[in-house]
Amino acid sequence: MSEERRGLLIVFTGEGKGKTSAALGMILRAAGHGMRVGLFQFIKGKWHPGELGALSLLPTVDIIRFGDGFTSRKKDLSKDSELVREGWHRVREALCSRLYDMLVLDEINYVLHKGFLSVEEVLQILRDRPDGVHVVLTGRYAPEPIIQVADMVTEMRQVKHHFRDKGIRAQRGIEF
């Protein structure tokens, strides 16, 4: 195994559950190696999921949230758009500062799909990031240009889900 680190662009996308959970596993692994990790969460923000409590115990992990909850239930998205722009500004600053070895941009694919940010702008920043910085993108609807430049893409496919198939609501420790 080589100790040389090439910054990878990793994408978790698809209709199935587990995109953020997969990224959280990468955060845990990186933190275990003493790496500095920034978790930037877009859209999410109204609730306090269990993973935030656990991640807050890790001294090399910073959690930065920019969201006001699900956009599909809103008519006015101006506040969400403002929060996304603020979050994207913070991501760009974090990349330039070289503060982190890994950045996780949670739900950024959805943000791009909804048009809150331009794919070209995000791609340019990702291409110009400092050497050795890993970036993980999560969310449904990863745009094709992102998929094309990514080093690894995993698509989560939903086969069966307790909410859809059995009407069982979201549960603490499973969905949040």
N, C-alpha and C. Protein backbone atom coordinates (compact mmCIF):
# COMPACT_ATOMS: atom_id res chain seq x y z
N MET A 1 0.83 -1.18 0.00
CA MET A 1 0.00 0.00 0.00
C MET A 1 0.87 1.24 0.00
N SER A 2 0.47 2.22 -0.77
CA SER A 2 1.20 3.47 -0.87
C SER A 2 0.69 4.47 0.15
N GLU A 3 1.61 5.25 0.70
CA GLU A 3 1.23 6.32 1.62
C GLU A 3 0.93 7.62 0.87
N GLU A 4 1.24 7.63 -0.43
CA GLU A 4 0.95 8.81 -1.24
C GLU A 4 -0.56 8.99 -1.33
N ARG A 5 -1.02 10.21 -1.12
CA ARG A 5 -2.46 10.46 -1.18
C ARG A 5 -2.79 11.28 -2.41
N ARG A 6 -3.60 10.72 -3.26
CA ARG A 6 -4.18 11.43 -4.40
C ARG A 6 -5.59 11.78 -3.99
N GLY A 7 -5.92 13.04 -4.02
CA GLY A 7 -7.27 13.42 -3.65
C GLY A 7 -8.28 12.84 -4.62
N LEU A 8 -9.22 12.09 -4.09
CA LEU A 8 -10.23 11.44 -4.92
C LEU A 8 -11.55 12.20 -4.87
N LEU A 9 -12.30 12.12 -5.96
CA LEU A 9 -13.66 12.63 -6.03
C LEU A 9 -14.58 11.42 -6.03
N ILE A 10 -15.39 11.31 -4.98
CA ILE A 10 -16.23 10.13 -4.76
C ILE A 10 -17.69 10.57 -4.73
N VAL A 11 -18.55 9.82 -5.41
CA VAL A 11 -19.97 10.16 -5.50
C VAL A 11 -20.81 8.99 -5.02
N PHE A 12 -21.75 9.29 -4.12
CA PHE A 12 -22.78 8.34 -3.71
C PHE A 12 -24.12 8.93 -4.15
N THR A 13 -24.81 8.22 -5.03
CA THR A 13 -26.05 8.73 -5.61
C THR A 13 -27.06 7.61 -5.75
N GLY A 14 -28.22 7.92 -6.29
CA GLY A 14 -29.24 6.91 -6.55
C GLY A 14 -30.48 7.09 -5.70
N GLU A 15 -31.49 6.30 -6.01
CA GLU A 15 -32.79 6.39 -5.34
C GLU A 15 -32.81 5.65 -4.00
N GLY A 16 -31.87 4.77 -3.79
CA GLY A 16 -31.87 3.96 -2.57
C GLY A 16 -31.32 4.67 -1.36
N LYS A 17 -31.60 4.10 -0.20
CA LYS A 17 -31.12 4.62 1.07
C LYS A 17 -29.64 4.27 1.23
N GLY A 18 -28.90 5.14 1.92
CA GLY A 18 -27.53 4.79 2.27
C GLY A 18 -26.45 5.71 1.75
N LYS A 19 -26.81 6.76 1.04
CA LYS A 19 -25.79 7.65 0.47
C LYS A 19 -25.04 8.40 1.57
N THR A 20 -25.78 9.06 2.43
CA THR A 20 -25.14 9.77 3.54
C THR A 20 -24.49 8.77 4.49
N SER A 21 -25.12 7.64 4.72
CA SER A 21 -24.55 6.63 5.61
C SER A 21 -23.20 6.14 5.09
N ALA A 22 -23.08 5.95 3.78
CA ALA A 22 -21.80 5.54 3.21
C ALA A 22 -20.75 6.63 3.42
N ALA A 23 -21.13 7.88 3.23
CA ALA A 23 -20.19 8.98 3.46
C ALA A 23 -19.80 9.07 4.93
N LEU A 24 -20.73 8.81 5.83
CA LEU A 24 -20.42 8.82 7.26
C LEU A 24 -19.41 7.73 7.60
N GLY A 25 -19.52 6.61 6.95
CA GLY A 25 -18.52 5.54 7.14
C GLY A 25 -17.14 6.00 6.71
N MET A 26 -17.08 6.76 5.62
CA MET A 26 -15.79 7.27 5.16
C MET A 26 -15.24 8.30 6.15
N ILE A 27 -16.13 9.12 6.72
CA ILE A 27 -15.71 10.10 7.72
C ILE A 27 -15.11 9.37 8.92
N LEU A 28 -15.79 8.35 9.37
CA LEU A 28 -15.31 7.58 10.52
C LEU A 28 -13.94 6.97 10.24
N ARG A 29 -13.78 6.39 9.07
CA ARG A 29 -12.50 5.78 8.69
C ARG A 29 -11.40 6.84 8.63
N ALA A 30 -11.69 7.97 8.01
CA ALA A 30 -10.68 9.04 7.89
C ALA A 30 -10.31 9.58 9.27
N ALA A 31 -11.31 9.80 10.13
CA ALA A 31 -11.05 10.29 11.48
C ALA A 31 -10.20 9.30 12.26
N GLY A 32 -10.42 8.02 12.04
CA GLY A 32 -9.63 6.99 12.70
C GLY A 32 -8.16 7.05 12.31
N HIS A 33 -7.87 7.64 11.17
CA HIS A 33 -6.49 7.82 10.71
C HIS A 33 -5.97 9.22 11.05
N GLY A 34 -6.73 9.96 11.86
CA GLY A 34 -6.30 11.29 12.28
C GLY A 34 -6.48 12.37 11.22
N MET A 35 -7.24 12.06 10.18
CA MET A 35 -7.45 13.05 9.12
C MET A 35 -8.48 14.08 9.56
N ARG A 36 -8.31 15.32 9.09
CA ARG A 36 -9.27 16.40 9.34
C ARG A 36 -10.38 16.28 8.30
N VAL A 37 -11.63 16.28 8.76
CA VAL A 37 -12.77 16.10 7.87
C VAL A 37 -13.78 17.22 8.11
N GLY A 38 -14.29 17.78 7.03
CA GLY A 38 -15.37 18.75 7.09
C GLY A 38 -16.62 18.15 6.48
N LEU A 39 -17.68 18.04 7.26
CA LEU A 39 -18.98 17.57 6.76
C LEU A 39 -19.83 18.81 6.53
N PHE A 40 -20.11 19.10 5.27
CA PHE A 40 -20.94 20.24 4.88
C PHE A 40 -22.29 19.69 4.44
N GLN A 41 -23.31 19.96 5.23
CA GLN A 41 -24.64 19.42 4.92
C GLN A 41 -25.52 20.51 4.32
N PHE A 42 -25.97 20.27 3.10
CA PHE A 42 -26.90 21.15 2.42
C PHE A 42 -28.32 20.60 2.59
N ILE A 43 -29.31 21.45 2.58
CA ILE A 43 -30.73 21.13 2.67
C ILE A 43 -31.12 20.67 4.07
N LYS A 44 -30.43 19.67 4.59
CA LYS A 44 -30.74 19.16 5.93
C LYS A 44 -30.49 20.26 6.95
N GLY A 45 -31.19 20.23 8.05
CA GLY A 45 -30.90 21.23 9.05
C GLY A 45 -31.95 21.44 10.09
N LYS A 46 -33.18 21.06 9.84
CA LYS A 46 -34.27 21.29 10.79
C LYS A 46 -34.23 20.32 11.96
N TRP A 47 -33.62 19.19 11.77
CA TRP A 47 -33.63 18.16 12.81
C TRP A 47 -32.19 17.82 13.21
N HIS A 48 -32.06 17.11 14.31
CA HIS A 48 -30.73 16.72 14.81
C HIS A 48 -30.62 15.20 14.77
N PRO A 49 -30.11 14.65 13.66
CA PRO A 49 -29.99 13.20 13.54
C PRO A 49 -28.90 12.64 14.45
N GLY A 50 -29.00 11.38 14.77
CA GLY A 50 -28.08 10.73 15.68
C GLY A 50 -26.62 10.81 15.28
N GLU A 51 -26.35 10.79 13.98
CA GLU A 51 -24.96 10.81 13.55
C GLU A 51 -24.24 12.10 13.97
N LEU A 52 -24.97 13.19 14.10
CA LEU A 52 -24.32 14.44 14.51
C LEU A 52 -23.81 14.35 15.93
N GLY A 53 -24.56 13.69 16.80
CA GLY A 53 -24.10 13.49 18.17
C GLY A 53 -22.84 12.66 18.22
N ALA A 54 -22.80 11.61 17.42
CA ALA A 54 -21.62 10.74 17.39
C ALA A 54 -20.43 11.45 16.77
N LEU A 55 -20.65 12.15 15.65
CA LEU A 55 -19.53 12.83 14.99
C LEU A 55 -18.97 13.96 15.84
N SER A 56 -19.80 14.59 16.65
CA SER A 56 -19.33 15.70 17.49
C SER A 56 -18.31 15.23 18.53
N LEU A 57 -18.23 13.93 18.76
CA LEU A 57 -17.25 13.37 19.70
C LEU A 57 -15.87 13.19 19.06
N LEU A 58 -15.81 13.33 17.74
CA LEU A 58 -14.54 13.13 17.03
C LEU A 58 -13.84 14.47 16.86
N PRO A 59 -12.66 14.64 17.47
CA PRO A 59 -12.01 15.95 17.47
C PRO A 59 -11.52 16.43 16.10
N THR A 60 -11.38 15.54 15.12
CA THR A 60 -10.88 15.96 13.81
C THR A 60 -12.00 16.17 12.79
N VAL A 61 -13.26 16.15 13.25
CA VAL A 61 -14.41 16.29 12.35
C VAL A 61 -15.18 17.56 12.69
N ASP A 62 -15.39 18.39 11.68
CA ASP A 62 -16.22 19.59 11.82
C ASP A 62 -17.52 19.37 11.05
N ILE A 63 -18.62 19.80 11.64
CA ILE A 63 -19.94 19.66 11.02
C ILE A 63 -20.46 21.06 10.74
N ILE A 64 -20.73 21.34 9.48
CA ILE A 64 -21.22 22.65 9.07
C ILE A 64 -22.51 22.41 8.31
N ARG A 65 -23.62 22.97 8.79
CA ARG A 65 -24.93 22.68 8.21
C ARG A 65 -25.54 23.93 7.58
N PHE A 66 -26.10 23.76 6.40
CA PHE A 66 -26.75 24.85 5.67
C PHE A 66 -28.06 24.33 5.11
N GLY A 67 -29.06 24.35 5.91
CA GLY A 67 -30.33 23.87 5.41
C GLY A 67 -31.47 24.23 6.32
N ASP A 68 -32.64 24.14 5.76
CA ASP A 68 -33.86 24.47 6.48
C ASP A 68 -34.91 23.39 6.27
N GLY A 69 -34.46 22.20 5.93
CA GLY A 69 -35.39 21.09 5.76
C GLY A 69 -35.71 20.82 4.30
N PHE A 70 -36.55 19.84 4.10
CA PHE A 70 -36.89 19.36 2.76
C PHE A 70 -37.47 20.47 1.89
N THR A 71 -36.95 20.61 0.68
CA THR A 71 -37.42 21.65 -0.23
C THR A 71 -38.70 21.25 -0.95
N SER A 72 -38.98 19.96 -1.04
CA SER A 72 -40.14 19.51 -1.80
C SER A 72 -41.46 19.93 -1.16
N ARG A 73 -41.43 20.34 0.09
CA ARG A 73 -42.64 20.73 0.79
C ARG A 73 -42.83 22.24 0.86
N LYS A 74 -42.03 23.00 0.13
CA LYS A 74 -42.06 24.45 0.23
C LYS A 74 -42.44 25.09 -1.10
N LYS A 75 -43.08 26.25 -1.00
CA LYS A 75 -43.38 27.03 -2.19
C LYS A 75 -42.30 28.07 -2.45
N ASP A 76 -41.79 28.69 -1.38
CA ASP A 76 -40.77 29.72 -1.50
C ASP A 76 -39.41 29.12 -1.12
N LEU A 77 -38.54 29.04 -2.10
CA LEU A 77 -37.22 28.45 -1.88
C LEU A 77 -36.11 29.49 -1.76
N SER A 78 -36.47 30.76 -1.60
CA SER A 78 -35.46 31.82 -1.56
C SER A 78 -34.53 31.66 -0.37
N LYS A 79 -35.06 31.29 0.79
CA LYS A 79 -34.21 31.09 1.97
C LYS A 79 -33.27 29.90 1.74
N ASP A 80 -33.78 28.84 1.14
CA ASP A 80 -32.96 27.66 0.86
C ASP A 80 -31.84 28.03 -0.12
N SER A 81 -32.17 28.80 -1.13
CA SER A 81 -31.18 29.23 -2.11
C SER A 81 -30.08 30.05 -1.44
N GLU A 82 -30.47 30.93 -0.55
CA GLU A 82 -29.50 31.75 0.19
C GLU A 82 -28.59 30.87 1.06
N LEU A 83 -29.18 29.90 1.76
CA LEU A 83 -28.39 29.00 2.61
C LEU A 83 -27.41 28.18 1.78
N VAL A 84 -27.85 27.73 0.61
CA VAL A 84 -26.97 26.95 -0.28
C VAL A 84 -25.80 27.81 -0.74
N ARG A 85 -26.08 29.05 -1.15
CA ARG A 85 -25.00 29.94 -1.60
C ARG A 85 -24.01 30.20 -0.47
N GLU A 86 -24.52 30.40 0.74
CA GLU A 86 -23.65 30.60 1.91
C GLU A 86 -22.80 29.35 2.14
N GLY A 87 -23.44 28.19 2.06
CA GLY A 87 -22.72 26.94 2.25
C GLY A 87 -21.65 26.73 1.20
N TRP A 88 -21.97 27.03 -0.04
CA TRP A 88 -21.01 26.85 -1.12
C TRP A 88 -19.82 27.79 -0.94
N HIS A 89 -20.08 29.00 -0.47
CA HIS A 89 -18.99 29.94 -0.17
C HIS A 89 -18.06 29.34 0.89
N ARG A 90 -18.64 28.75 1.92
CA ARG A 90 -17.84 28.13 3.00
C ARG A 90 -17.05 26.92 2.48
N VAL A 91 -17.64 26.15 1.58
CA VAL A 91 -16.92 25.01 0.99
C VAL A 91 -15.71 25.51 0.21
N ARG A 92 -15.90 26.53 -0.61
CA ARG A 92 -14.78 27.08 -1.39
C ARG A 92 -13.68 27.58 -0.47
N GLU A 93 -14.06 28.28 0.60
CA GLU A 93 -13.06 28.75 1.58
C GLU A 93 -12.30 27.57 2.20
N ALA A 94 -13.05 26.53 2.55
CA ALA A 94 -12.44 25.36 3.19
C ALA A 94 -11.45 24.68 2.25
N LEU A 95 -11.81 24.57 0.98
CA LEU A 95 -10.90 23.96 0.01
C LEU A 95 -9.63 24.80 -0.15
N CYS A 96 -9.79 26.09 -0.26
CA CYS A 96 -8.62 26.98 -0.44
C CYS A 96 -7.72 26.99 0.79
N SER A 97 -8.31 26.85 1.97
CA SER A 97 -7.54 26.92 3.21
C SER A 97 -6.70 25.67 3.46
N ARG A 98 -7.04 24.59 2.79
CA ARG A 98 -6.36 23.30 3.00
C ARG A 98 -6.51 22.80 4.44
N LEU A 99 -7.56 23.26 5.10
CA LEU A 99 -7.81 22.87 6.48
C LEU A 99 -8.17 21.39 6.59
N TYR A 100 -8.83 20.86 5.55
CA TYR A 100 -9.35 19.50 5.62
C TYR A 100 -8.63 18.56 4.65
N ASP A 101 -8.51 17.31 5.09
CA ASP A 101 -8.03 16.25 4.21
C ASP A 101 -9.17 15.67 3.38
N MET A 102 -10.39 15.78 3.93
CA MET A 102 -11.58 15.26 3.26
C MET A 102 -12.74 16.22 3.51
N LEU A 103 -13.49 16.50 2.46
CA LEU A 103 -14.73 17.26 2.59
C LEU A 103 -15.86 16.37 2.10
N VAL A 104 -16.92 16.31 2.87
CA VAL A 104 -18.14 15.60 2.46
C VAL A 104 -19.19 16.66 2.20
N LEU A 105 -19.69 16.69 0.98
CA LEU A 105 -20.72 17.65 0.58
C LEU A 105 -22.04 16.88 0.49
N ASP A 106 -22.71 16.81 1.63
CA ASP A 106 -23.92 16.00 1.76
C ASP A 106 -25.10 16.69 1.08
N GLU A 107 -25.75 15.98 0.18
CA GLU A 107 -26.91 16.44 -0.60
C GLU A 107 -26.55 17.46 -1.68
N ILE A 108 -25.28 17.58 -2.01
CA ILE A 108 -24.89 18.53 -3.06
C ILE A 108 -25.46 18.12 -4.42
N ASN A 109 -25.60 16.82 -4.67
CA ASN A 109 -26.18 16.39 -5.95
C ASN A 109 -27.61 16.89 -6.10
N TYR A 110 -28.37 16.82 -5.02
CA TYR A 110 -29.75 17.31 -5.03
C TYR A 110 -29.77 18.83 -5.25
N VAL A 111 -28.84 19.54 -4.61
CA VAL A 111 -28.72 20.98 -4.76
C VAL A 111 -28.47 21.33 -6.24
N LEU A 112 -27.60 20.57 -6.89
CA LEU A 112 -27.32 20.79 -8.30
C LEU A 112 -28.54 20.47 -9.16
N HIS A 113 -29.21 19.38 -8.84
CA HIS A 113 -30.41 18.98 -9.57
C HIS A 113 -31.49 20.05 -9.51
N LYS A 114 -31.63 20.68 -8.36
CA LYS A 114 -32.65 21.73 -8.17
C LYS A 114 -32.22 23.07 -8.75
N GLY A 115 -30.97 23.18 -9.19
CA GLY A 115 -30.50 24.41 -9.81
C GLY A 115 -30.07 25.50 -8.84
N PHE A 116 -29.85 25.15 -7.57
CA PHE A 116 -29.39 26.14 -6.60
C PHE A 116 -27.96 26.59 -6.91
N LEU A 117 -27.17 25.70 -7.48
CA LEU A 117 -25.80 26.00 -7.91
C LEU A 117 -25.64 25.47 -9.33
N SER A 118 -24.70 26.06 -10.07
CA SER A 118 -24.46 25.56 -11.42
C SER A 118 -23.45 24.41 -11.37
N VAL A 119 -23.71 23.40 -12.17
CA VAL A 119 -22.82 22.24 -12.24
C VAL A 119 -21.43 22.68 -12.68
N GLU A 120 -21.36 23.62 -13.64
CA GLU A 120 -20.08 24.08 -14.15
C GLU A 120 -19.25 24.74 -13.05
N GLU A 121 -19.91 25.58 -12.23
CA GLU A 121 -19.19 26.26 -11.14
C GLU A 121 -18.63 25.25 -10.14
N VAL A 122 -19.44 24.28 -9.77
CA VAL A 122 -19.01 23.27 -8.81
C VAL A 122 -17.88 22.43 -9.41
N LEU A 123 -18.03 22.02 -10.65
CA LEU A 123 -16.98 21.23 -11.31
C LEU A 123 -15.65 21.98 -11.35
N GLN A 124 -15.70 23.26 -11.66
CA GLN A 124 -14.47 24.04 -11.74
C GLN A 124 -13.75 24.07 -10.40
N ILE A 125 -14.49 24.29 -9.32
CA ILE A 125 -13.88 24.33 -7.98
C ILE A 125 -13.32 22.95 -7.62
N LEU A 126 -14.06 21.90 -7.96
CA LEU A 126 -13.59 20.55 -7.66
C LEU A 126 -12.32 20.21 -8.45
N ARG A 127 -12.28 20.64 -9.68
CA ARG A 127 -11.08 20.39 -10.50
C ARG A 127 -9.87 21.16 -9.97
N ASP A 128 -10.10 22.36 -9.45
CA ASP A 128 -9.02 23.23 -8.99
C ASP A 128 -8.65 23.01 -7.52
N ARG A 129 -9.25 22.03 -6.87
CA ARG A 129 -8.97 21.84 -5.44
C ARG A 129 -7.51 21.44 -5.24
N PRO A 130 -7.01 21.71 -4.04
CA PRO A 130 -5.61 21.34 -3.75
C PRO A 130 -5.37 19.84 -3.89
N ASP A 131 -4.16 19.50 -4.28
CA ASP A 131 -3.78 18.09 -4.39
C ASP A 131 -3.97 17.39 -3.05
N GLY A 132 -4.40 16.17 -3.09
CA GLY A 132 -4.49 15.37 -1.87
C GLY A 132 -5.78 15.51 -1.08
N VAL A 133 -6.67 16.41 -1.49
CA VAL A 133 -7.93 16.59 -0.75
C VAL A 133 -9.00 15.71 -1.38
N HIS A 134 -9.56 14.83 -0.55
CA HIS A 134 -10.66 13.98 -1.00
C HIS A 134 -11.97 14.75 -0.86
N VAL A 135 -12.87 14.58 -1.83
CA VAL A 135 -14.19 15.20 -1.76
C VAL A 135 -15.22 14.12 -2.05
N VAL A 136 -16.22 14.04 -1.16
CA VAL A 136 -17.30 13.06 -1.28
C VAL A 136 -18.59 13.83 -1.51
N LEU A 137 -19.30 13.49 -2.58
CA LEU A 137 -20.57 14.13 -2.92
C LEU A 137 -21.70 13.13 -2.72
N THR A 138 -22.77 13.54 -2.04
CA THR A 138 -23.90 12.64 -1.85
C THR A 138 -25.17 13.28 -2.40
N GLY A 139 -26.18 12.45 -2.55
CA GLY A 139 -27.51 12.91 -2.95
C GLY A 139 -27.97 12.26 -4.23
N ARG A 140 -29.28 12.21 -4.35
CA ARG A 140 -29.88 11.70 -5.59
C ARG A 140 -29.53 12.62 -6.75
N TYR A 141 -29.69 12.09 -7.93
CA TYR A 141 -29.60 12.87 -9.18
C TYR A 141 -28.22 13.45 -9.45
N ALA A 142 -27.16 12.72 -9.19
CA ALA A 142 -25.83 13.23 -9.54
C ALA A 142 -25.79 13.56 -11.03
N PRO A 143 -25.38 14.78 -11.37
CA PRO A 143 -25.35 15.15 -12.79
C PRO A 143 -24.26 14.39 -13.55
N GLU A 144 -24.54 14.11 -14.79
CA GLU A 144 -23.63 13.34 -15.63
C GLU A 144 -22.22 13.93 -15.69
N PRO A 145 -22.06 15.27 -15.80
CA PRO A 145 -20.69 15.80 -15.82
C PRO A 145 -19.90 15.48 -14.54
N ILE A 146 -20.57 15.44 -13.41
CA ILE A 146 -19.91 15.08 -12.15
C ILE A 146 -19.52 13.61 -12.19
N ILE A 147 -20.44 12.78 -12.64
CA ILE A 147 -20.17 11.34 -12.74
C ILE A 147 -18.96 11.08 -13.64
N GLN A 148 -18.87 11.83 -14.73
CA GLN A 148 -17.78 11.63 -15.69
C GLN A 148 -16.41 11.94 -15.10
N VAL A 149 -16.30 12.95 -14.23
CA VAL A 149 -14.99 13.32 -13.69
C VAL A 149 -14.67 12.62 -12.37
N ALA A 150 -15.66 12.00 -11.75
CA ALA A 150 -15.45 11.33 -10.46
C ALA A 150 -14.50 10.14 -10.60
N ASP A 151 -13.79 9.88 -9.52
CA ASP A 151 -12.91 8.71 -9.48
C ASP A 151 -13.66 7.45 -9.08
N MET A 152 -14.72 7.62 -8.30
CA MET A 152 -15.54 6.48 -7.87
C MET A 152 -16.99 6.95 -7.77
N VAL A 153 -17.89 6.18 -8.32
CA VAL A 153 -19.32 6.47 -8.25
C VAL A 153 -20.04 5.20 -7.81
N THR A 154 -20.85 5.35 -6.77
CA THR A 154 -21.68 4.25 -6.32
C THR A 154 -23.13 4.71 -6.39
N GLU A 155 -23.95 3.90 -7.04
CA GLU A 155 -25.37 4.21 -7.14
C GLU A 155 -26.15 3.26 -6.23
N MET A 156 -26.85 3.85 -5.28
CA MET A 156 -27.68 3.08 -4.36
C MET A 156 -29.02 2.80 -5.06
N ARG A 157 -29.39 1.54 -5.09
CA ARG A 157 -30.63 1.14 -5.74
C ARG A 157 -31.58 0.59 -4.68
N GLN A 158 -32.75 1.16 -4.63
CA GLN A 158 -33.74 0.68 -3.65
C GLN A 158 -34.43 -0.56 -4.19
N VAL A 159 -34.32 -1.64 -3.46
CA VAL A 159 -35.00 -2.88 -3.82
C VAL A 159 -36.29 -3.01 -3.02
N LYS A 160 -36.20 -2.66 -1.75
CA LYS A 160 -37.33 -2.76 -0.84
C LYS A 160 -37.11 -1.75 0.27
N HIS A 161 -38.19 -1.12 0.72
CA HIS A 161 -38.06 -0.14 1.80
C HIS A 161 -39.28 -0.24 2.70
N HIS A 162 -39.04 -0.28 4.00
CA HIS A 162 -40.13 -0.49 4.96
C HIS A 162 -41.17 0.62 4.91
N PHE A 163 -40.79 1.84 4.59
CA PHE A 163 -41.79 2.92 4.52
C PHE A 163 -42.71 2.72 3.32
N ARG A 164 -42.10 2.54 2.15
CA ARG A 164 -42.87 2.38 0.92
C ARG A 164 -43.65 1.07 0.90
N ASP A 165 -43.01 0.00 1.33
CA ASP A 165 -43.62 -1.32 1.18
C ASP A 165 -44.54 -1.73 2.33
N LYS A 166 -44.28 -1.21 3.53
CA LYS A 166 -45.07 -1.64 4.68
C LYS A 166 -45.70 -0.48 5.46
N GLY A 167 -45.41 0.75 5.04
CA GLY A 167 -45.96 1.91 5.73
C GLY A 167 -45.35 2.16 7.10
N ILE A 168 -44.18 1.60 7.36
CA ILE A 168 -43.50 1.81 8.65
C ILE A 168 -42.75 3.13 8.58
N ARG A 169 -43.05 4.03 9.50
CA ARG A 169 -42.45 5.38 9.51
C ARG A 169 -40.95 5.35 9.81
N ALA A 170 -40.31 6.50 9.54
CA ALA A 170 -38.89 6.66 9.85
C ALA A 170 -38.66 6.45 11.34
N GLN A 171 -37.54 5.82 11.66
CA GLN A 171 -37.24 5.48 13.04
C GLN A 171 -35.89 6.00 13.48
N ARG A 172 -35.81 6.42 14.75
CA ARG A 172 -34.57 6.89 15.34
C ARG A 172 -33.52 5.77 15.23
N GLY A 173 -32.32 6.15 14.84
CA GLY A 173 -31.24 5.17 14.71
C GLY A 173 -31.20 4.48 13.35
N ILE A 174 -32.26 4.60 12.58
CA ILE A 174 -32.30 4.01 11.24
C ILE A 174 -32.28 5.11 10.18
N GLU A 175 -33.27 5.96 10.20
CA GLU A 175 -33.33 7.08 9.23
C GLU A 175 -32.75 8.37 9.78
N PHE A 176 -32.75 8.52 11.07
CA PHE A 176 -32.23 9.79 11.64
C PHE A 176 -31.59 9.54 12.98
